[in-house]
C-alpha atoms as a PDB file:
ATOM      1  CA  MET A   1     109.240  70.281  97.596  1.00  0.00           C
ATOM      2  CA  ASN A   2     110.362  72.282 100.460  1.00  0.00           C
ATOM      3  CA  SER A   3     107.968  73.538 103.192  1.00  0.00           C
ATOM      4  CA  LYS A   4     108.240  77.184 101.894  1.00  0.00           C
ATOM      5  CA  LEU A   5     107.374  76.226  98.305  1.00  0.00           C
ATOM      6  CA  THR A   6     104.609  73.964  99.664  1.00  0.00           C
ATOM      7  CA  PHE A   7     102.954  76.710 101.518  1.00  0.00           C
ATOM      8  CA  ILE A   8     103.309  78.996  98.428  1.00  0.00           C
ATOM      9  CA  PHE A   9     101.719  76.283  96.297  1.00  0.00           C
ATOM     10  CA  LEU A  10      98.715  75.882  98.995  1.00  0.00           C
ATOM     11  CA  ILE A  11      98.153  79.770  98.878  1.00  0.00           C
ATOM     12  CA  LEU A  12      98.101  79.980  95.123  1.00  0.00           C
ATOM     13  CA  VAL A  13      95.753  76.833  94.879  1.00  0.00           C
ATOM     14  CA  GLN A  14      93.334  78.591  97.339  1.00  0.00           C
ATOM     15  CA  ILE A  15      93.474  81.858  95.386  1.00  0.00           C
ATOM     16  CA  GLY A  16      92.740  79.837  92.248  1.00  0.00           C
ATOM     17  CA  TYR A  17      89.694  78.163  93.634  1.00  0.00           C
ATOM     18  CA  SER A  18      88.422  81.549  94.438  1.00  0.00           C
ATOM     19  CA  GLN A  19      88.868  82.866  90.991  1.00  0.00           C
ATOM     20  CA  GLN A  20      86.466  80.587  89.129  1.00  0.00           C
ATOM     21  CA  TYR A  21      83.024  81.992  87.738  1.00  0.00           C
ATOM     22  CA  ASP A  22      83.154  80.211  84.327  1.00  0.00           C
ATOM     23  CA  SER A  23      80.250  82.335  83.027  1.00  0.00           C
ATOM     24  CA  VAL A  24      81.957  85.702  83.638  1.00  0.00           C
ATOM     25  CA  ILE A  25      83.104  86.813  79.984  1.00  0.00           C
ATOM     26  CA  ILE A  26      86.601  88.174  80.276  1.00  0.00           C
ATOM     27  CA  GLU A  27      88.661  90.221  77.559  1.00  0.00           C
ATOM     28  CA  GLU A  28      91.930  89.073  76.450  1.00  0.00           C
ATOM     29  CA  ASP A  29      93.281  92.495  75.643  1.00  0.00           C
ATOM     30  CA  SER A  30      92.241  96.249  76.183  1.00  0.00           C
ATOM     31  CA  ILE A  31      91.284  95.010  79.488  1.00  0.00           C
ATOM     32  CA  ASP A  32      90.558  98.431  81.292  1.00  0.00           C
ATOM     33  CA  LEU A  33      90.059 100.432  78.038  1.00  0.00           C
ATOM     34  CA  ASN A  34      86.339  99.879  77.602  1.00  0.00           C
ATOM     35  CA  ASN A  35      85.371 100.374  81.462  1.00  0.00           C
ATOM     36  CA  LYS A  36      82.723 102.978  81.878  1.00  0.00           C
ATOM     37  CA  ILE A  37      82.501 102.391  85.583  1.00  0.00           C
ATOM     38  CA  TYR A  38      85.657 100.857  87.106  1.00  0.00           C
ATOM     39  CA  LYS A  39      87.916 103.181  85.268  1.00  0.00           C
ATOM     40  CA  PRO A  40      91.504 103.663  86.172  1.00  0.00           C
ATOM     41  CA  GLY A  41      91.698 106.681  88.588  1.00  0.00           C
ATOM     42  CA  SER A  42      88.310 105.859  90.097  1.00  0.00           C
ATOM     43  CA  VAL A  43      87.549 105.776  93.800  1.00  0.00           C
ATOM     44  CA  PHE A  44      84.350 104.342  95.367  1.00  0.00           C
ATOM     45  CA  VAL A  45      83.850 104.800  99.039  1.00  0.00           C
ATOM     46  CA  TYR A  46      81.403 102.663 101.011  1.00  0.00           C
ATOM     47  CA  ASP A  47      79.968 102.688 104.611  1.00  0.00           C
ATOM     48  CA  TYR A  48      79.025  99.260 106.059  1.00  0.00           C
ATOM     49  CA  GLU A  49      77.356  97.564 108.948  1.00  0.00           C
ATOM     50  CA  ILE A  50      77.409  94.007 110.348  1.00  0.00           C
ATOM     51  CA  ILE A  51      74.220  92.926 111.841  1.00  0.00           C
ATOM     52  CA  ILE A  52      73.979  90.032 114.558  1.00  0.00           C
ATOM     53  CA  LYS A  53      70.473  89.391 116.042  1.00  0.00           C
ATOM     54  CA  ASP A  54      69.476  93.126 115.015  1.00  0.00           C
ATOM     55  CA  LYS A  55      72.354  94.749 116.668  1.00  0.00           C
ATOM     56  CA  LYS A  56      74.740  96.788 114.403  1.00  0.00           C
ATOM     57  CA  TYR A  57      78.465  96.503 114.553  1.00  0.00           C
ATOM     58  CA  LYS A  58      81.501  97.617 112.860  1.00  0.00           C
ATOM     59  CA  LEU A  59      85.216  96.435 113.251  1.00  0.00           C
ATOM     60  CA  LYS A  60      87.532  97.512 115.975  1.00  0.00           C
ATOM     61  CA  LYS A  61      90.338  95.508 114.364  1.00  0.00           C
ATOM     62  CA  ASN A  62      90.516  93.487 111.210  1.00  0.00           C
ATOM     63  CA  ARG A  63      93.455  91.364 109.900  1.00  0.00           C
ATOM     64  CA  SER A  64      94.422  88.465 107.904  1.00  0.00           C
ATOM     65  CA  ARG A  65      97.638  86.587 107.766  1.00  0.00           C
ATOM     66  CA  HIS A  66      98.892  83.293 106.551  1.00  0.00           C
ATOM     67  CA  ASN A  67     100.252  80.878 109.197  1.00  0.00           C
ATOM     68  CA  GLN A  68     103.211  79.297 107.610  1.00  0.00           C
ATOM     69  CA  GLU A  69     103.453  76.759 110.249  1.00  0.00           C
ATOM     70  CA  LYS A  70      99.915  75.662 109.954  1.00  0.00           C
ATOM     71  CA  LYS A  71      99.658  76.219 106.226  1.00  0.00           C
ATOM     72  CA  LYS A  72      96.405  78.156 106.402  1.00  0.00           C
ATOM     73  CA  ARG A  73      94.890  81.552 106.448  1.00  0.00           C
ATOM     74  CA  GLU A  74      94.046  83.132 109.752  1.00  0.00           C
ATOM     75  CA  VAL A  75      91.786  86.111 110.631  1.00  0.00           C
ATOM     76  CA  ASP A  76      91.924  88.286 113.656  1.00  0.00           C
ATOM     77  CA  PHE A  77      89.002  90.690 114.077  1.00  0.00           C
ATOM     78  CA  GLU A  78      86.915  92.391 116.879  1.00  0.00           C
ATOM     79  CA  LEU A  79      83.408  93.830 116.751  1.00  0.00           C
ATOM     80  CA  VAL A  80      82.262  96.921 118.343  1.00  0.00           C
ATOM     81  CA  GLN A  81      78.712  98.598 118.342  1.00  0.00           C
ATOM     82  CA  THR A  82      78.523 101.085 115.591  1.00  0.00           C
ATOM     83  CA  LYS A  83      78.382 104.101 118.100  1.00  0.00           C
ATOM     84  CA  SER A  84      81.695 103.095 119.689  1.00  0.00           C
ATOM     85  CA  ASP A  85      84.551 105.603 119.700  1.00  0.00           C
ATOM     86  CA  SER A  86      87.181 102.648 119.067  1.00  0.00           C
ATOM     87  CA  ILE A  87      86.054 101.711 115.613  1.00  0.00           C
ATOM     88  CA  GLY A  88      89.240 100.643 113.398  1.00  0.00           C
ATOM     89  CA  THR A  89      87.370 100.155 110.157  1.00  0.00           C
ATOM     90  CA  ASP A  90      84.948 102.862 109.632  1.00  0.00           C
ATOM     91  CA  LYS A  91      84.726 103.026 105.791  1.00  0.00           C
ATOM     92  CA  ILE A  92      85.899 100.970 102.762  1.00  0.00           C
ATOM     93  CA  HIS A  93      87.644 102.419  99.865  1.00  0.00           C
ATOM     94  CA  LEU A  94      87.738 100.848  96.393  1.00  0.00           C
ATOM     95  CA  LEU A  95      90.445 102.124  94.159  1.00  0.00           C
ATOM     96  CA  VAL A  96      90.967 101.493  90.502  1.00  0.00           C
ATOM     97  CA  LYS A  97      94.681 101.891  90.071  1.00  0.00           C
ATOM     98  CA  PRO A  98      96.499 101.880  86.721  1.00  0.00           C
ATOM     99  CA  VAL A  99      98.475  98.730  86.370  1.00  0.00           C
ATOM    100  CA  GLU A 100     100.725  97.000  83.659  1.00  0.00           C
ATOM    101  CA  ASP A 101      99.243  93.799  82.325  1.00  0.00           C
ATOM    102  CA  THR A 102     102.270  91.793  83.654  1.00  0.00           C
ATOM    103  CA  ASN A 103     101.592  93.205  87.303  1.00  0.00           C
ATOM    104  CA  ARG A 104      97.861  92.468  87.447  1.00  0.00           C
ATOM    105  CA  THR A 105      96.924  90.489  90.548  1.00  0.00           C
ATOM    106  CA  ASN A 106      94.353  88.349  88.554  1.00  0.00           C
ATOM    107  CA  GLU A 107      95.079  87.951  84.792  1.00  0.00           C
ATOM    108  CA  ASN A 108      92.830  89.703  82.405  1.00  0.00           C
ATOM    109  CA  GLN A 109      90.874  91.585  85.155  1.00  0.00           C
ATOM    110  CA  THR A 110      90.799  95.038  85.928  1.00  0.00           C
ATOM    111  CA  GLN A 111      92.881  95.558  89.245  1.00  0.00           C
ATOM    112  CA  ILE A 112      91.106  97.019  92.123  1.00  0.00           C
ATOM    113  CA  SER A 113      92.498  97.823  95.589  1.00  0.00           C
ATOM    114  CA  TYR A 114      90.650  97.882  98.980  1.00  0.00           C
ATOM    115  CA  LEU A 115      91.651 100.293 101.928  1.00  0.00           C
ATOM    116  CA  GLU A 116      90.039 100.338 105.334  1.00  0.00           C
ATOM    117  CA  GLU A 117      89.601 104.000 106.669  1.00  0.00           C
ATOM    118  CA  PRO A 118      90.832 105.411 108.996  1.00  0.00           C
ATOM    119  CA  MET A 119      93.869 103.174 109.733  1.00  0.00           C
ATOM    120  CA  TYR A 120      94.953 102.651 106.140  1.00  0.00           C
ATOM    121  CA  ALA A 121      97.096  99.705 107.504  1.00  0.00           C
ATOM    122  CA  SER A 122      97.157  97.570 104.377  1.00  0.00           C
ATOM    123  CA  LEU A 123      96.303  97.498 100.806  1.00  0.00           C
ATOM    124  CA  SER A 124      94.690  94.418  99.212  1.00  0.00           C
ATOM    125  CA  SER A 125      94.553  94.023  95.489  1.00  0.00           C
ATOM    126  CA  THR A 126      92.142  91.640  93.631  1.00  0.00           C
ATOM    127  CA  GLY A 127      90.364  91.820  90.335  1.00  0.00           C
ATOM    128  CA  ALA A 128      87.091  93.008  88.553  1.00  0.00           C
ATOM    129  CA  VAL A 129      85.540  92.385  85.176  1.00  0.00           C
ATOM    130  CA  GLU A 130      83.731  95.160  83.088  1.00  0.00           C
ATOM    131  CA  ASN A 131      82.501  94.977  79.474  1.00  0.00           C
ATOM    132  CA  SER A 132      79.279  95.033  77.508  1.00  0.00           C
ATOM    133  CA  ASN A 133      78.601  91.420  78.409  1.00  0.00           C
ATOM    134  CA  ASN A 134      78.894  91.723  82.197  1.00  0.00           C
ATOM    135  CA  VAL A 135      80.021  93.521  85.320  1.00  0.00           C
ATOM    136  CA  TRP A 136      81.650  91.348  88.143  1.00  0.00           C
ATOM    137  CA  ILE A 137      83.876  92.295  91.107  1.00  0.00           C
ATOM    138  CA  HIS A 138      85.625  90.469  93.808  1.00  0.00           C
ATOM    139  CA  PRO A 139      84.576  91.872  97.273  1.00  0.00           C
ATOM    140  CA  ILE A 140      86.937  92.870  99.981  1.00  0.00           C
ATOM    141  CA  ARG A 141      88.317  89.717 101.800  1.00  0.00           C
ATOM    142  CA  GLU A 142      90.537  91.153 104.636  1.00  0.00           C
ATOM    143  CA  GLY A 143      89.825  89.685 108.096  1.00  0.00           C
ATOM    144  CA  PHE A 144      86.303  89.462 108.853  1.00  0.00           C
ATOM    145  CA  PHE A 145      85.376  89.926 105.039  1.00  0.00           C
ATOM    146  CA  ASN A 146      86.559  86.381 104.478  1.00  0.00           C
ATOM    147  CA  SER A 147      82.833  85.888 105.259  1.00  0.00           C
ATOM    148  CA  LEU A 148      81.719  87.315 101.920  1.00  0.00           C
ATOM    149  CA  GLU A 149      83.650  84.455  99.943  1.00  0.00           C
ATOM    150  CA  THR A 150      80.834  82.157 101.067  1.00  0.00           C
ATOM    151  CA  ALA A 151      78.081  84.397  99.361  1.00  0.00           C
ATOM    152  CA  PRO A 152      77.437  85.255  95.700  1.00  0.00           C
ATOM    153  CA  PHE A 153      79.793  87.924  94.271  1.00  0.00           C
ATOM    154  CA  PRO A 154      78.353  91.050  92.956  1.00  0.00           C
ATOM    155  CA  PHE A 155      77.603  90.370  89.341  1.00  0.00           C
ATOM    156  CA  ILE A 156      75.264  91.483  86.749  1.00  0.00           C
ATOM    157  CA  LYS A 157      74.835  90.022  83.071  1.00  0.00           C
ATOM    158  CA  SER A 158      73.460  91.406  79.885  1.00  0.00           C
ATOM    159  CA  PRO A 159      70.628  92.163  78.881  1.00  0.00           C
ATOM    160  CA  LEU A 160      70.097  94.641  81.595  1.00  0.00           C
ATOM    161  CA  GLU A 161      66.504  93.927  81.982  1.00  0.00           C
ATOM    162  CA  ILE A 162      64.131  92.526  84.498  1.00  0.00           C
ATOM    163  CA  GLY A 163      63.848  88.708  84.088  1.00  0.00           C
ATOM    164  CA  THR A 164      67.429  88.077  82.930  1.00  0.00           C
ATOM    165  CA  GLU A 165      68.796  85.078  84.944  1.00  0.00           C
ATOM    166  CA  TRP A 166      71.805  82.853  84.931  1.00  0.00           C
ATOM    167  CA  THR A 167      73.916  80.518  87.168  1.00  0.00           C
ATOM    168  CA  ASP A 168      77.410  79.621  88.067  1.00  0.00           C
ATOM    169  CA  GLN A 169      79.648  77.941  90.346  1.00  0.00           C
ATOM    170  CA  MET A 170      82.743  78.038  92.529  1.00  0.00           C
ATOM    171  CA  LEU A 171      85.089  76.120  94.811  1.00  0.00           C
ATOM    172  CA  ILE A 172      86.696  77.699  97.896  1.00  0.00           C
ATOM    173  CA  GLY A 173      88.917  76.168 100.279  1.00  0.00           C
ATOM    174  CA  GLU A 174      88.418  75.462 103.856  1.00  0.00           C
ATOM    175  CA  GLY A 175      90.717  78.395 104.978  1.00  0.00           C
ATOM    176  CA  TRP A 176      87.831  80.876 104.006  1.00  0.00           C
ATOM    177  CA  GLY A 177      85.729  79.168 106.953  1.00  0.00           C
ATOM    178  CA  ASN A 178      85.158  80.385 110.456  1.00  0.00           C
ATOM    179  CA  GLU A 179      82.767  79.675 113.404  1.00  0.00           C
ATOM    180  CA  MET A 180      80.781  82.913 112.852  1.00  0.00           C
ATOM    181  CA  TRP A 181      80.056  82.319 109.190  1.00  0.00           C
ATOM    182  CA  GLY A 182      80.318  78.464 108.788  1.00  0.00           C
ATOM    183  CA  LYS A 183      83.293  76.031 108.831  1.00  0.00           C
ATOM    184  CA  TRP A 184      83.769  72.943 106.396  1.00  0.00           C
ATOM    185  CA  GLU A 185      86.576  70.511 105.335  1.00  0.00           C
ATOM    186  CA  GLY A 186      88.508  70.411 102.011  1.00  0.00           C
ATOM    187  CA  GLU A 187      86.804  72.317  99.320  1.00  0.00           C
ATOM    188  CA  LEU A 188      83.243  73.780  99.340  1.00  0.00           C
ATOM    189  CA  LEU A 189      81.200  74.088  96.156  1.00  0.00           C
ATOM    190  CA  LEU A 190      78.946  76.941  96.000  1.00  0.00           C
ATOM    191  CA  THR A 191      76.248  76.888  93.180  1.00  0.00           C
ATOM    192  CA  TYR A 192      74.955  80.403  92.323  1.00  0.00           C
ATOM    193  CA  ASN A 193      71.631  81.581  90.878  1.00  0.00           C
ATOM    194  CA  TYR A 194      71.333  85.221  89.938  1.00  0.00           C
ATOM    195  CA  LYS A 195      68.229  86.963  88.535  1.00  0.00           C
ATOM    196  CA  ILE A 196      67.438  90.755  87.886  1.00  0.00           C
ATOM    197  CA  THR A 197      64.025  91.243  89.622  1.00  0.00           C
ATOM    198  CA  ASP A 198      63.422  95.051  89.644  1.00  0.00           C
ATOM    199  CA  LYS A 199      64.702  98.461  88.682  1.00  0.00           C
ATOM    200  CA  LYS A 200      64.162 101.372  91.103  1.00  0.00           C
ATOM    201  CA  THR A 201      65.545 104.703  92.228  1.00  0.00           C
ATOM    202  CA  VAL A 202      67.630 104.410  95.337  1.00  0.00           C
ATOM    203  CA  ASN A 203      68.366 107.415  97.457  1.00  0.00           C
ATOM    204  CA  THR A 204      72.036 107.601  98.411  1.00  0.00           C
ATOM    205  CA  GLU A 205      74.511 110.290  99.791  1.00  0.00           C
ATOM    206  CA  ILE A 206      75.611 111.079  96.311  1.00  0.00           C
ATOM    207  CA  GLY A 207      72.010 111.590  95.135  1.00  0.00           C
ATOM    208  CA  ASN A 208      69.049 109.479  93.755  1.00  0.00           C
ATOM    209  CA  ILE A 209      70.490 106.603  91.575  1.00  0.00           C
ATOM    210  CA  ASN A 210      68.545 104.380  89.165  1.00  0.00           C
ATOM    211  CA  CYS A 211      69.532 100.836  89.838  1.00  0.00           C
ATOM    212  CA  TYR A 212      68.807  97.295  88.875  1.00  0.00           C
ATOM    213  CA  ILE A 213      68.031  94.912  91.567  1.00  0.00           C
ATOM    214  CA  ILE A 214      69.896  91.480  91.403  1.00  0.00           C
ATOM    215  CA  GLU A 215      68.719  88.841  93.711  1.00  0.00           C
ATOM    216  CA  SER A 216      71.285  85.933  94.195  1.00  0.00           C
ATOM    217  CA  THR A 217      71.761  82.875  96.278  1.00  0.00           C
ATOM    218  CA  ALA A 218      74.848  80.607  96.921  1.00  0.00           C
ATOM    219  CA  LYS A 219      73.774  76.936  97.885  1.00  0.00           C
ATOM    220  CA  SER A 220      76.288  74.536  99.355  1.00  0.00           C
ATOM    221  CA  ASN A 221      76.595  71.700 101.656  1.00  0.00           C
ATOM    222  CA  ILE A 222      76.675  74.107 104.711  1.00  0.00           C
ATOM    223  CA  GLY A 223      73.497  76.112 103.787  1.00  0.00           C
ATOM    224  CA  ILE A 224      72.275  78.934 101.656  1.00  0.00           C
ATOM    225  CA  THR A 225      73.588  82.413 101.712  1.00  0.00           C
ATOM    226  CA  LYS A 226      72.121  85.456  99.667  1.00  0.00           C
ATOM    227  CA  LEU A 227      73.162  88.792  98.165  1.00  0.00           C
ATOM    228  CA  THR A 228      70.786  91.497  97.056  1.00  0.00           C
ATOM    229  CA  SER A 229      72.738  93.984  94.791  1.00  0.00           C
ATOM    230  CA  TYR A 230      71.999  97.468  93.544  1.00  0.00           C
ATOM    231  CA  PHE A 231      73.712  98.260  90.168  1.00  0.00           C
ATOM    232  CA  SER A 232      74.023 101.600  88.509  1.00  0.00           C
ATOM    233  CA  GLU A 233      75.299 101.932  84.850  1.00  0.00           C
ATOM    234  CA  LYS A 234      77.183 104.922  86.028  1.00  0.00           C
ATOM    235  CA  TYR A 235      78.262 103.997  89.785  1.00  0.00           C
ATOM    236  CA  GLY A 236      78.415 100.247  89.654  1.00  0.00           C
ATOM    237  CA  PHE A 237      77.352  98.330  92.651  1.00  0.00           C
ATOM    238  CA  VAL A 238      75.957 101.026  94.845  1.00  0.00           C
ATOM    239  CA  ARG A 239      74.410  98.778  97.564  1.00  0.00           C
ATOM    240  CA  LEU A 240      75.130  95.311  98.669  1.00  0.00           C
ATOM    241  CA  GLU A 241      72.915  93.363 101.129  1.00  0.00           C
ATOM    242  CA  TYR A 242      74.373  90.103 102.381  1.00  0.00           C
ATOM    243  CA  GLU A 243      72.526  87.445 104.442  1.00  0.00           C
ATOM    244  CA  LEU A 244      74.987  84.827 105.351  1.00  0.00           C
ATOM    245  CA  LEU A 245      74.749  81.842 107.550  1.00  0.00           C
ATOM    246  CA  ASN A 246      73.922  81.838 111.273  1.00  0.00           C
ATOM    247  CA  GLU A 247      71.724  84.741 110.800  1.00  0.00           C
ATOM    248  CA  LEU A 248      74.694  87.114 110.064  1.00  0.00           C
ATOM    249  CA  LYS A 249      74.109  90.097 107.775  1.00  0.00           C
ATOM    250  CA  VAL A 250      76.361  92.622 106.052  1.00  0.00           C
ATOM    251  CA  ASN A 251      75.331  95.897 104.417  1.00  0.00           C
ATOM    252  CA  MET A 252      77.404  98.171 102.296  1.00  0.00           C
ATOM    253  CA  TRP A 253      76.465 101.262 100.519  1.00  0.00           C
ATOM    254  CA  LEU A 254      78.136 103.914  98.360  1.00  0.00           C
ATOM    255  CA  ILE A 255      78.813 107.304 100.144  1.00  0.00           C
ATOM    256  CA  ASP A 256      81.246 108.943  97.871  1.00  0.00           C
ATOM    257  CA  TYR A 257      82.727 108.684  94.299  1.00  0.00           C
ATOM    258  CA  LYS A 258      85.681 110.241  92.608  1.00  0.00           C
ATOM    259  CA  THR A 259      87.129 109.924  88.954  1.00  0.00           C
ATOM    260  CA  ASP A 260      90.286 111.112  87.187  1.00  0.00           C
ATOM    261  CA  LYS A 261      92.604 110.756  90.245  1.00  0.00           C
ATOM    262  CA  VAL A 262      96.355 110.269  90.276  1.00  0.00           C
ATOM    263  CA  PHE A 263      97.559 107.864  93.143  1.00  0.00           C
ATOM    264  CA  ASN A 264     100.609 108.039  95.287  1.00  0.00           C
ATOM    265  CA  ASP A 265     103.046 105.322  95.027  1.00  0.00           C
ATOM    266  CA  THR A 266     102.975 102.557  97.767  1.00  0.00           C
ATOM    267  CA  ARG A 267     105.854 103.992  99.654  1.00  0.00           C
ATOM    268  CA  THR A 268     104.321 107.549  99.895  1.00  0.00           C
ATOM    269  CA  PHE A 269     100.923 106.439 100.561  1.00  0.00           C
ATOM    270  CA  PHE A 270     102.139 104.200 103.657  1.00  0.00           C
ATOM    271  CA  LYS A 271     104.278 107.223 104.852  1.00  0.00           C
ATOM    272  CA  THR A 272     101.597 109.868 104.415  1.00  0.00           C
ATOM    273  CA  LYS A 273      98.494 107.902 104.593  1.00  0.00           C
ATOM    274  CA  GLU A 274      97.096 109.690 101.586  1.00  0.00           C
ATOM    275  CA  TYR A 275      96.516 107.644  98.532  1.00  0.00           C
ATOM    276  CA  ILE A 276      95.441 110.437  96.193  1.00  0.00           C
ATOM    277  CA  LYS A 277      98.383 112.628  94.764  1.00  0.00           C
ATOM    278  CA  GLN A 278      97.770 116.450  95.722  1.00  0.00           C
END
């Protein structure tokens, strides 16, 4: 196997490890047709903050790349305080773009794509699952957001009632590690526990939203991470509160929501920086 094929194989293996979650119930067909939240043509816009020792930050720059020579994933990011005038990633857009089954990034999953405002420099696609049994989404993982691979993914299972509890596991490769949120060698096994603990009305920029609260943990050899998710049957995951290793915290919250949109093709988007067709 030549070096280029070896590199591609390693990347595919790493992606495969990050797509486990055996308890997620996935459809074999009609993947997008029964979605009530993450419907093709939908847009979810999130604000966010990174908290380190009670100080709040955003990203001045945020990039990922695969180093072919070292055969590893590398990140390049820089934090600035939230009141800075040099913020490069101010908001995060989640798009649900229509896609043919043969072109899905993750087989049998609804395709979702993440964009970072205002630069709109890259479009990263991954998967989500939505049906009557469960809702599960893969978080953004560009640059600094590699850190979210070490935490539980947003996930809720039926029945939607206080007390519902479940577990799962996933292996992730060492390429997702970093000095800021933890490093390891080889594969890291994350063991998850999820529980719906409450239901409350949450005040958001798009109104008051009734949410189920899901408390979740990820235990591994390097420590315990946590995610508190706020889930709406109409808007999906409207707030995510991460507690990572080394006292690092990340919060994301929904600030805008659109449906029934038609998206520009990739060439038009990168030329105009407008992803919604006018």
